[in-house]
Amino acid sequence: MEHPIFDSIEKATKPDFGDILTKSFDAVKELWQPALFHGLISMLFVIPLLIISYVPLMPFYVGLFENMGDPYYQPELNYEISFWIGYMLVIFALALVVQLFNFSLVAHFYKVIQFKDTGLNPPSGNYFSFLKGNVGKILLLNLAAMGIAIVAALLCYLPIFYVMVPLQLFAVLFTFNQDLSVSQIIKAAFKLGHKFWLIIFGIVMISSMIAQLGIIFCFVGVFVTQLFVHIPIYYIYKSTIGFKSEALV
């Protein structure tokens, strides 16, 4: 028997573009502080990964700096091929771990949005509560998203514009439908994303550009704006699939 969410998607009415954006902008006034906390926590995982990624490249940059102005200088990184293979495997594994925590963090942020949307105060802490019992599912979703994005990119990049919409829906579907399997989340994301692709794509593009505005504020604002894209995604989910009840669980 097919999960009820697919029937909900089938019956879903077209979300109102302007209404989604209006509600999202209005919600920012209530959500900027939680967004800041979630953004800072996310950076605690991302920054160490970036540092580790660049450590083997330091001799390259040091050499460039020391020989600046020398037109005959040829920078080299004298590492064996086995080192680079191991390096890439370590970075890949660390990236999966970082994405595991960030995915859980985004799921928690969706719950915070829901609490604020219903006029209740969200519980403090428990930023990684969605990891409990869901580590395997989150890892598989991240691997699936990575695989889909790579395949789309290999197909002359144009398909990436199509798949970016359903990929944006993975986290919100996971958050509010804990009983869905990985395959069902992927199927539901593509079903909903395909049905309202143009509207969701437009909203994602606008919210992504707004998310980049944090760079203007000496990068500090990025901690707040980087999560803005998830607010309209929440309202898209609410206006199409909706919730079985207003109970917050």
Protein backbone atom coordinates (compact mmCIF):
# COMPACT_ATOMS: atom_id res chain seq x y z
CA MET A 1 0.00 0.00 0.00
CA GLU A 2 1.39 3.37 -1.03
CA HIS A 3 2.19 5.92 1.67
CA PRO A 4 -0.53 8.61 2.13
CA ILE A 5 1.97 11.37 1.36
CA PHE A 6 1.85 10.49 -2.33
CA ASP A 7 -1.90 10.98 -2.38
CA SER A 8 -1.40 14.32 -0.63
CA ILE A 9 1.06 15.37 -3.33
CA GLU A 10 -1.34 14.22 -6.02
CA LYS A 11 -4.12 16.37 -4.55
CA ALA A 12 -1.88 19.32 -3.69
CA THR A 13 -2.88 22.68 -5.12
CA LYS A 14 -0.46 25.13 -6.68
CA PRO A 15 1.35 27.17 -4.00
CA ASP A 16 1.07 30.95 -4.27
CA PHE A 17 4.49 32.37 -5.20
CA GLY A 18 3.92 35.79 -3.64
CA ASP A 19 2.29 34.39 -0.50
CA ILE A 20 5.21 32.02 0.12
CA LEU A 21 7.75 34.83 -0.16
CA THR A 22 5.68 37.19 1.99
CA LYS A 23 5.32 34.63 4.76
CA SER A 24 9.03 33.83 4.53
CA PHE A 25 10.09 37.47 4.88
CA ASP A 26 7.67 37.94 7.78
CA ALA A 27 9.07 34.84 9.48
CA VAL A 28 12.63 36.16 9.33
CA LYS A 29 11.81 38.66 12.08
CA GLU A 30 11.06 35.74 14.41
CA LEU A 31 13.71 33.37 13.13
CA TRP A 32 16.88 35.45 12.77
CA GLN A 33 18.18 34.46 16.21
CA PRO A 34 17.61 30.68 15.78
CA ALA A 35 19.08 30.99 12.27
CA LEU A 36 22.18 32.66 13.76
CA PHE A 37 22.65 29.89 16.34
CA HIS A 38 22.15 27.14 13.76
CA GLY A 39 24.52 28.90 11.34
CA LEU A 40 27.26 29.24 13.94
CA ILE A 41 26.95 25.59 14.95
CA SER A 42 27.13 24.59 11.29
CA MET A 43 30.36 26.57 10.86
CA LEU A 44 31.90 24.71 13.81
CA PHE A 45 31.82 21.62 11.61
CA VAL A 46 32.57 23.20 8.25
CA ILE A 47 35.62 25.31 9.23
CA PRO A 48 37.72 22.39 10.58
CA LEU A 49 36.97 20.44 7.39
CA LEU A 50 38.17 23.37 5.28
CA ILE A 51 41.35 23.68 7.35
CA ILE A 52 42.10 19.97 7.04
CA SER A 53 41.40 20.14 3.30
CA TYR A 54 43.98 22.89 2.75
CA VAL A 55 46.78 21.60 5.00
CA PRO A 56 48.44 19.45 2.27
CA LEU A 57 48.26 22.44 -0.10
CA MET A 58 50.11 24.80 2.22
CA PRO A 59 53.58 24.12 0.68
CA PHE A 60 52.11 25.10 -2.70
CA TYR A 61 50.84 28.46 -1.43
CA VAL A 62 53.96 29.12 0.67
CA GLY A 63 56.10 28.50 -2.40
CA LEU A 64 54.00 30.88 -4.47
CA PHE A 65 54.28 33.57 -1.80
CA GLU A 66 58.05 33.17 -1.36
CA ASN A 67 58.68 33.25 -5.10
CA MET A 68 56.23 35.98 -5.95
CA GLY A 69 57.48 37.89 -8.96
CA ASP A 70 59.71 35.05 -10.23
CA PRO A 71 58.41 34.27 -13.75
CA TYR A 72 60.46 31.03 -13.87
CA TYR A 73 59.13 29.54 -10.66
CA GLN A 74 57.18 26.30 -11.18
CA PRO A 75 55.14 25.35 -8.09
CA GLU A 76 55.01 21.64 -7.32
CA LEU A 77 53.39 19.34 -4.80
CA ASN A 78 55.69 16.35 -4.43
CA TYR A 79 53.24 13.82 -3.04
CA GLU A 80 52.88 10.22 -4.16
CA ILE A 81 49.68 9.16 -5.92
CA SER A 82 48.91 6.93 -2.93
CA PHE A 83 48.90 10.03 -0.71
CA TRP A 84 46.35 11.79 -2.94
CA ILE A 85 44.09 8.73 -2.99
CA GLY A 86 44.20 8.52 0.80
CA TYR A 87 43.74 12.27 1.08
CA MET A 88 40.61 12.22 -1.10
CA LEU A 89 39.15 9.27 0.84
CA VAL A 90 39.71 11.04 4.17
CA ILE A 91 38.17 14.28 2.91
CA PHE A 92 35.20 12.37 1.50
CA ALA A 93 34.64 10.57 4.81
CA LEU A 94 34.95 13.79 6.81
CA ALA A 95 32.60 15.59 4.42
CA LEU A 96 29.99 12.86 4.98
CA VAL A 97 30.31 13.28 8.74
CA VAL A 98 29.96 17.06 8.46
CA GLN A 99 26.95 16.68 6.18
CA LEU A 100 25.44 14.18 8.61
CA PHE A 101 25.46 16.77 11.40
CA ASN A 102 24.41 19.63 9.15
CA PHE A 103 21.46 17.66 7.78
CA SER A 104 20.29 16.98 11.33
CA LEU A 105 20.80 20.67 12.12
CA VAL A 106 18.63 21.69 9.16
CA ALA A 107 15.92 19.24 10.26
CA HIS A 108 15.98 20.82 13.72
CA PHE A 109 15.69 24.26 12.13
CA TYR A 110 12.58 23.12 10.25
CA LYS A 111 11.02 22.13 13.58
CA VAL A 112 11.93 25.54 14.99
CA ILE A 113 10.18 27.17 12.02
CA GLN A 114 7.11 25.03 12.69
CA PHE A 115 7.05 26.01 16.36
CA LYS A 116 7.34 29.69 15.50
CA ASP A 117 4.71 29.34 12.78
CA THR A 118 2.21 27.96 15.29
CA GLY A 119 3.00 30.66 17.85
CA LEU A 120 4.87 28.45 20.29
CA ASN A 121 8.35 28.76 21.72
CA PRO A 122 10.63 26.02 20.41
CA PRO A 123 12.54 23.95 22.98
CA SER A 124 16.12 25.05 23.52
CA GLY A 125 19.03 22.78 22.64
CA ASN A 126 18.73 19.30 21.13
CA TYR A 127 20.17 20.57 17.85
CA PHE A 128 21.12 17.05 16.79
CA SER A 129 18.07 15.21 18.09
CA PHE A 130 17.27 13.96 14.58
CA LEU A 131 20.45 11.87 14.58
CA LYS A 132 18.91 9.47 17.08
CA GLY A 133 17.90 6.37 15.16
CA ASN A 134 18.40 8.14 11.81
CA VAL A 135 22.16 8.08 11.16
CA GLY A 136 21.90 5.44 8.43
CA LYS A 137 18.92 7.10 6.77
CA ILE A 138 20.60 10.53 6.74
CA LEU A 139 23.85 9.11 5.35
CA LEU A 140 21.96 7.31 2.58
CA LEU A 141 20.00 10.48 1.73
CA ASN A 142 23.22 12.47 1.52
CA LEU A 143 24.89 9.83 -0.64
CA ALA A 144 21.83 9.70 -2.88
CA ALA A 145 21.78 13.49 -3.20
CA MET A 146 25.49 13.48 -4.03
CA GLY A 147 25.07 10.74 -6.62
CA ILE A 148 22.08 12.46 -8.26
CA ALA A 149 23.95 15.77 -8.39
CA ILE A 150 27.07 14.15 -9.91
CA VAL A 151 25.07 12.33 -12.60
CA ALA A 152 23.16 15.54 -13.40
CA ALA A 153 26.42 17.50 -13.64
CA LEU A 154 27.94 14.89 -15.97
CA LEU A 155 24.97 15.32 -18.32
CA CYS A 156 26.22 18.70 -19.54
CA TYR A 157 25.09 20.44 -16.32
CA LEU A 158 21.61 21.34 -17.62
CA PRO A 159 19.85 18.57 -15.62
CA ILE A 160 21.32 20.05 -12.42
CA PHE A 161 18.77 22.85 -12.68
CA TYR A 162 16.01 20.26 -12.65
CA VAL A 163 17.29 18.05 -9.82
CA MET A 164 18.19 20.97 -7.54
CA VAL A 165 14.46 21.39 -6.79
CA PRO A 166 13.74 17.85 -5.50
CA LEU A 167 17.13 17.78 -3.72
CA GLN A 168 16.05 20.85 -1.74
CA LEU A 169 13.00 18.91 -0.55
CA PHE A 170 14.87 15.95 0.98
CA ALA A 171 15.38 17.52 4.41
CA VAL A 172 11.87 18.92 4.89
CA LEU A 173 10.27 15.61 3.84
CA PHE A 174 12.57 13.74 6.21
CA THR A 175 11.82 16.12 9.09
CA PHE A 176 8.04 15.86 9.03
CA ASN A 177 7.73 12.27 7.84
CA GLN A 178 9.93 10.09 10.03
CA ASP A 179 8.13 6.95 8.85
CA LEU A 180 9.22 7.40 5.24
CA SER A 181 12.05 5.24 3.94
CA VAL A 182 14.97 6.70 1.98
CA SER A 183 13.48 5.58 -1.33
CA GLN A 184 10.08 7.03 -0.41
CA ILE A 185 11.64 10.40 0.52
CA ILE A 186 13.45 10.52 -2.82
CA LYS A 187 10.31 9.51 -4.72
CA ALA A 188 8.16 12.06 -2.86
CA ALA A 189 10.75 14.80 -3.42
CA PHE A 190 10.81 14.22 -7.17
CA LYS A 191 7.03 13.89 -7.35
CA LEU A 192 6.42 17.17 -5.51
CA GLY A 193 9.38 18.91 -7.15
CA HIS A 194 8.26 17.91 -10.64
CA LYS A 195 4.65 18.97 -10.05
CA PHE A 196 5.54 22.49 -8.93
CA TRP A 197 9.04 22.75 -10.40
CA LEU A 198 8.88 26.28 -11.81
CA ILE A 199 7.46 27.85 -8.65
CA ILE A 200 9.86 26.03 -6.34
CA PHE A 201 12.81 26.78 -8.62
CA GLY A 202 11.97 30.48 -8.66
CA ILE A 203 11.60 30.61 -4.89
CA VAL A 204 14.84 28.68 -4.35
CA MET A 205 16.70 31.04 -6.69
CA ILE A 206 15.41 34.17 -4.96
CA SER A 207 15.99 32.83 -1.45
CA SER A 208 19.49 31.62 -2.41
CA MET A 209 20.41 35.08 -3.67
CA ILE A 210 19.08 36.59 -0.45
CA ALA A 211 21.11 34.05 1.51
CA GLN A 212 24.26 35.41 -0.14
CA LEU A 213 23.56 38.93 1.12
CA GLY A 214 25.22 38.00 4.39
CA ILE A 215 28.57 38.37 2.63
CA ILE A 216 27.96 42.12 2.43
CA PHE A 217 27.99 42.33 6.23
CA CYS A 218 31.64 41.25 6.52
CA PHE A 219 30.57 37.59 6.34
CA VAL A 220 28.96 37.80 9.80
CA GLY A 221 25.51 38.03 8.22
CA VAL A 222 26.09 34.72 6.42
CA PHE A 223 25.46 32.90 9.70
CA VAL A 224 21.91 34.27 9.63
CA THR A 225 21.10 34.37 5.92
CA GLN A 226 22.55 30.96 4.94
CA LEU A 227 19.48 29.25 6.41
CA PHE A 228 16.96 31.61 4.82
CA VAL A 229 16.40 29.22 1.90
CA HIS A 230 14.80 26.69 4.27
CA ILE A 231 12.05 29.07 5.39
CA PRO A 232 10.21 29.24 2.01
CA ILE A 233 10.77 25.48 1.58
CA TYR A 234 8.88 24.99 4.85
CA TYR A 235 5.96 27.10 3.62
CA ILE A 236 5.95 25.26 0.28
CA TYR A 237 5.66 21.98 2.18
CA LYS A 238 2.92 23.38 4.41
CA SER A 239 0.87 24.76 1.50
CA THR A 240 1.13 21.59 -0.61
CA ILE A 241 1.39 18.53 1.62
CA GLY A 242 0.55 20.15 4.94
CA PHE A 243 0.49 18.57 8.37
CA LYS A 244 -1.86 15.91 9.70
CA SER A 245 -2.40 18.07 12.76
CA GLU A 246 -0.91 21.14 14.38
CA ALA A 247 0.52 18.99 17.14
CA LEU A 248 4.26 19.51 17.45
CA VAL A 249 6.06 16.23 17.91
